[in-house]
């Protein structure tokens, strides 16, 4: 009886896990309803949160979202005790981003996954390069403490968006139009 319960529990875990790993993210209706972005279910809440922030800061993400094929957690990124790659943008032959991938190591803690997700989404959707080597910010090249970033999450996200190349570009465009209207 004990082995039957254990088998059922294991089967349920496999089913739930495979469902979470193969979730689809439907693109906004304004683009098209026939295309579907394959998104790992464990990343989806972070993508949803990031896109809400994009709307808040008036960052258009629809074209970039439409061009992505997949957002996934993989076991192929190199990670060692001395460092490694926790996430990256994958480009095609034309150097266009088609996937965003995350190391399985990010699954050790949901806060690490959230910081790495916002970091990679910052590259792709906000036009960021790294802002510093190691400075406890979302867009740092290296972070020695993800938990320091999480402690001041709201401030970090605000800085991420307000200092982003996309936000600055939009703000400058808005100023130019406003200046013309005043003349």
Protein backbone atom coordinates (compact mmCIF):
# COMPACT_ATOMS: atom_id res chain seq x y z
CA UNK A 1 0.00 0.00 0.00
CA UNK A 2 2.86 2.33 0.87
CA UNK A 3 4.51 1.77 -2.54
CA UNK A 4 1.20 2.48 -4.32
CA UNK A 5 0.88 5.81 -2.47
CA UNK A 6 4.47 6.67 -3.30
CA UNK A 7 3.93 5.77 -6.96
CA UNK A 8 0.78 7.91 -7.18
CA UNK A 9 2.56 10.82 -5.50
CA UNK A 10 5.48 10.51 -7.93
CA UNK A 11 3.13 10.32 -10.92
CA UNK A 12 1.26 13.44 -9.77
CA UNK A 13 4.56 15.30 -9.35
CA UNK A 14 5.66 14.37 -12.87
CA UNK A 15 2.34 15.48 -14.37
CA UNK A 16 2.35 18.83 -12.54
CA UNK A 17 6.01 19.41 -13.37
CA UNK A 18 5.56 18.68 -17.07
CA UNK A 19 2.56 21.02 -17.19
CA UNK A 20 4.56 23.85 -15.57
CA UNK A 21 7.49 23.30 -17.90
CA UNK A 22 5.41 23.51 -21.06
CA UNK A 23 3.10 26.47 -20.50
CA UNK A 24 2.31 28.72 -23.42
CA UNK A 25 2.12 32.48 -23.29
CA UNK A 26 -0.48 33.84 -25.63
CA UNK A 27 0.50 36.99 -27.44
CA UNK A 28 -1.71 40.06 -27.07
CA UNK A 29 -4.76 40.09 -29.34
CA UNK A 30 -3.61 43.33 -30.93
CA UNK A 31 -0.79 41.37 -32.55
CA UNK A 32 -2.44 38.12 -33.52
CA UNK A 33 -4.11 35.23 -31.79
CA UNK A 34 -2.60 32.57 -34.03
CA UNK A 35 0.93 32.86 -32.65
CA UNK A 36 1.97 31.41 -29.32
CA UNK A 37 5.19 31.99 -27.44
CA UNK A 38 6.38 28.84 -25.67
CA UNK A 39 7.16 29.93 -22.11
CA UNK A 40 8.32 27.82 -19.21
CA UNK A 41 5.59 27.91 -16.57
CA UNK A 42 8.09 28.76 -13.85
CA UNK A 43 9.15 31.90 -15.75
CA UNK A 44 5.64 33.00 -16.71
CA UNK A 45 4.79 34.87 -13.47
CA UNK A 46 8.02 36.88 -13.78
CA UNK A 47 7.30 37.66 -17.43
CA UNK A 48 3.77 38.76 -16.52
CA UNK A 49 5.13 40.99 -13.73
CA UNK A 50 7.75 42.47 -16.07
CA UNK A 51 5.19 43.22 -18.80
CA UNK A 52 2.93 44.94 -16.25
CA UNK A 53 5.88 47.18 -15.40
CA UNK A 54 6.41 47.85 -19.11
CA UNK A 55 2.82 49.07 -19.34
CA UNK A 56 3.27 51.22 -16.22
CA UNK A 57 6.33 52.93 -17.74
CA UNK A 58 4.79 53.10 -21.22
CA UNK A 59 7.33 50.73 -22.80
CA UNK A 60 5.95 49.03 -25.92
CA UNK A 61 6.85 45.34 -25.79
CA UNK A 62 4.45 43.80 -28.30
CA UNK A 63 6.79 43.61 -31.33
CA UNK A 64 9.62 42.11 -29.30
CA UNK A 65 7.29 39.66 -27.60
CA UNK A 66 5.92 38.65 -30.99
CA UNK A 67 9.46 37.94 -32.30
CA UNK A 68 10.39 35.57 -29.46
CA UNK A 69 9.99 31.84 -30.01
CA UNK A 70 10.70 30.56 -26.51
CA UNK A 71 11.51 31.45 -22.92
CA UNK A 72 12.90 28.38 -21.18
CA UNK A 73 14.84 26.92 -18.30
CA UNK A 74 17.70 24.76 -19.57
CA UNK A 75 20.49 22.62 -18.17
CA UNK A 76 23.04 23.57 -20.83
CA UNK A 77 24.36 26.86 -19.42
CA UNK A 78 27.76 26.54 -17.76
CA UNK A 79 27.73 27.19 -14.03
CA UNK A 80 30.52 26.46 -11.55
CA UNK A 81 31.34 27.43 -7.95
CA UNK A 82 33.46 30.30 -9.32
CA UNK A 83 30.68 31.70 -11.53
CA UNK A 84 28.78 31.04 -14.70
CA UNK A 85 25.87 32.09 -16.85
CA UNK A 86 22.46 32.09 -15.20
CA UNK A 87 20.59 33.49 -18.17
CA UNK A 88 21.13 34.65 -21.72
CA UNK A 89 19.56 35.82 -24.95
CA UNK A 90 19.88 33.31 -27.80
CA UNK A 91 20.26 34.80 -31.27
CA UNK A 92 19.67 33.33 -34.73
CA UNK A 93 22.01 33.61 -37.74
CA UNK A 94 20.78 37.15 -38.40
CA UNK A 95 21.73 38.10 -34.79
CA UNK A 96 18.07 38.58 -33.84
CA UNK A 97 17.02 37.36 -30.39
CA UNK A 98 14.70 34.37 -30.68
CA UNK A 99 14.94 32.81 -27.22
CA UNK A 100 15.62 33.79 -23.63
CA UNK A 101 17.03 30.95 -21.55
CA UNK A 102 17.75 30.47 -17.86
CA UNK A 103 19.97 27.99 -16.07
CA UNK A 104 18.33 25.29 -13.94
CA UNK A 105 20.45 26.66 -11.09
CA UNK A 106 18.10 29.67 -10.89
CA UNK A 107 15.42 27.28 -9.65
CA UNK A 108 17.26 26.94 -6.32
CA UNK A 109 15.49 30.07 -5.14
CA UNK A 110 12.53 31.93 -6.66
CA UNK A 111 14.09 35.31 -5.76
CA UNK A 112 17.23 34.46 -7.74
CA UNK A 113 15.04 33.41 -10.67
CA UNK A 114 13.12 36.70 -10.45
CA UNK A 115 16.28 38.84 -10.45
CA UNK A 116 17.82 36.88 -13.35
CA UNK A 117 14.52 37.01 -15.28
CA UNK A 118 14.25 40.79 -14.88
CA UNK A 119 17.94 41.07 -15.86
CA UNK A 120 17.47 39.14 -19.11
CA UNK A 121 14.15 40.86 -19.86
CA UNK A 122 15.96 44.17 -19.23
CA UNK A 123 18.45 43.30 -21.95
CA UNK A 124 15.78 42.27 -24.41
CA UNK A 125 12.82 44.58 -23.79
CA UNK A 126 14.56 47.65 -22.33
CA UNK A 127 17.72 47.72 -24.46
CA UNK A 128 20.19 47.42 -21.59
CA UNK A 129 23.81 46.45 -21.68
CA UNK A 130 25.37 45.73 -18.27
CA UNK A 131 25.52 48.82 -16.06
CA UNK A 132 28.46 47.79 -13.85
CA UNK A 133 30.68 44.84 -12.93
CA UNK A 134 29.27 44.12 -9.44
CA UNK A 135 27.10 46.82 -7.90
CA UNK A 136 24.02 45.06 -6.49
CA UNK A 137 21.68 46.21 -9.23
CA UNK A 138 19.50 44.13 -11.50
CA UNK A 139 21.60 44.96 -14.58
CA UNK A 140 25.02 44.30 -13.01
CA UNK A 141 27.30 41.93 -14.90
CA UNK A 142 27.80 39.95 -11.68
CA UNK A 143 25.83 40.03 -8.46
CA UNK A 144 27.38 38.73 -5.28
CA UNK A 145 24.05 38.95 -3.44
CA UNK A 146 20.73 38.60 -5.19
CA UNK A 147 19.08 38.90 -1.81
CA UNK A 148 20.38 42.49 -1.35
CA UNK A 149 18.61 43.37 -4.60
CA UNK A 150 15.40 41.69 -3.45
CA UNK A 151 15.45 43.59 -0.14
CA UNK A 152 14.86 46.80 -2.06
CA UNK A 153 12.95 45.27 -4.97
CA UNK A 154 10.53 48.12 -5.68
CA UNK A 155 13.35 50.68 -5.81
CA UNK A 156 15.44 48.35 -7.99
CA UNK A 157 12.58 47.86 -10.48
CA UNK A 158 11.86 51.59 -10.61
CA UNK A 159 15.53 52.30 -11.37
CA UNK A 160 15.61 49.49 -13.93
CA UNK A 161 12.77 51.03 -15.90
CA UNK A 162 13.43 54.75 -15.42
CA UNK A 163 17.12 54.45 -16.35
CA UNK A 164 16.52 52.10 -19.26
CA UNK A 165 17.50 53.07 -22.81
CA UNK A 166 13.89 52.47 -23.96
CA UNK A 167 12.35 54.69 -21.28
CA UNK A 168 14.90 57.46 -21.88
CA UNK A 169 14.32 57.25 -25.64
CA UNK A 170 10.54 57.49 -25.12
CA UNK A 171 10.92 60.41 -22.72
CA UNK A 172 13.16 62.31 -25.16
CA UNK A 173 10.68 61.70 -27.99
CA UNK A 174 7.86 62.96 -25.79
CA UNK A 175 9.85 66.08 -24.88
CA UNK A 176 10.61 66.84 -28.53
CA UNK A 177 6.94 66.59 -29.47
CA UNK A 178 5.95 68.72 -26.46
CA UNK A 179 8.58 71.33 -27.32
CA UNK A 180 7.28 71.54 -30.89
CA UNK A 181 3.75 72.02 -29.65
CA UNK A 182 4.85 74.98 -27.51
CA UNK A 183 6.38 76.84 -30.47
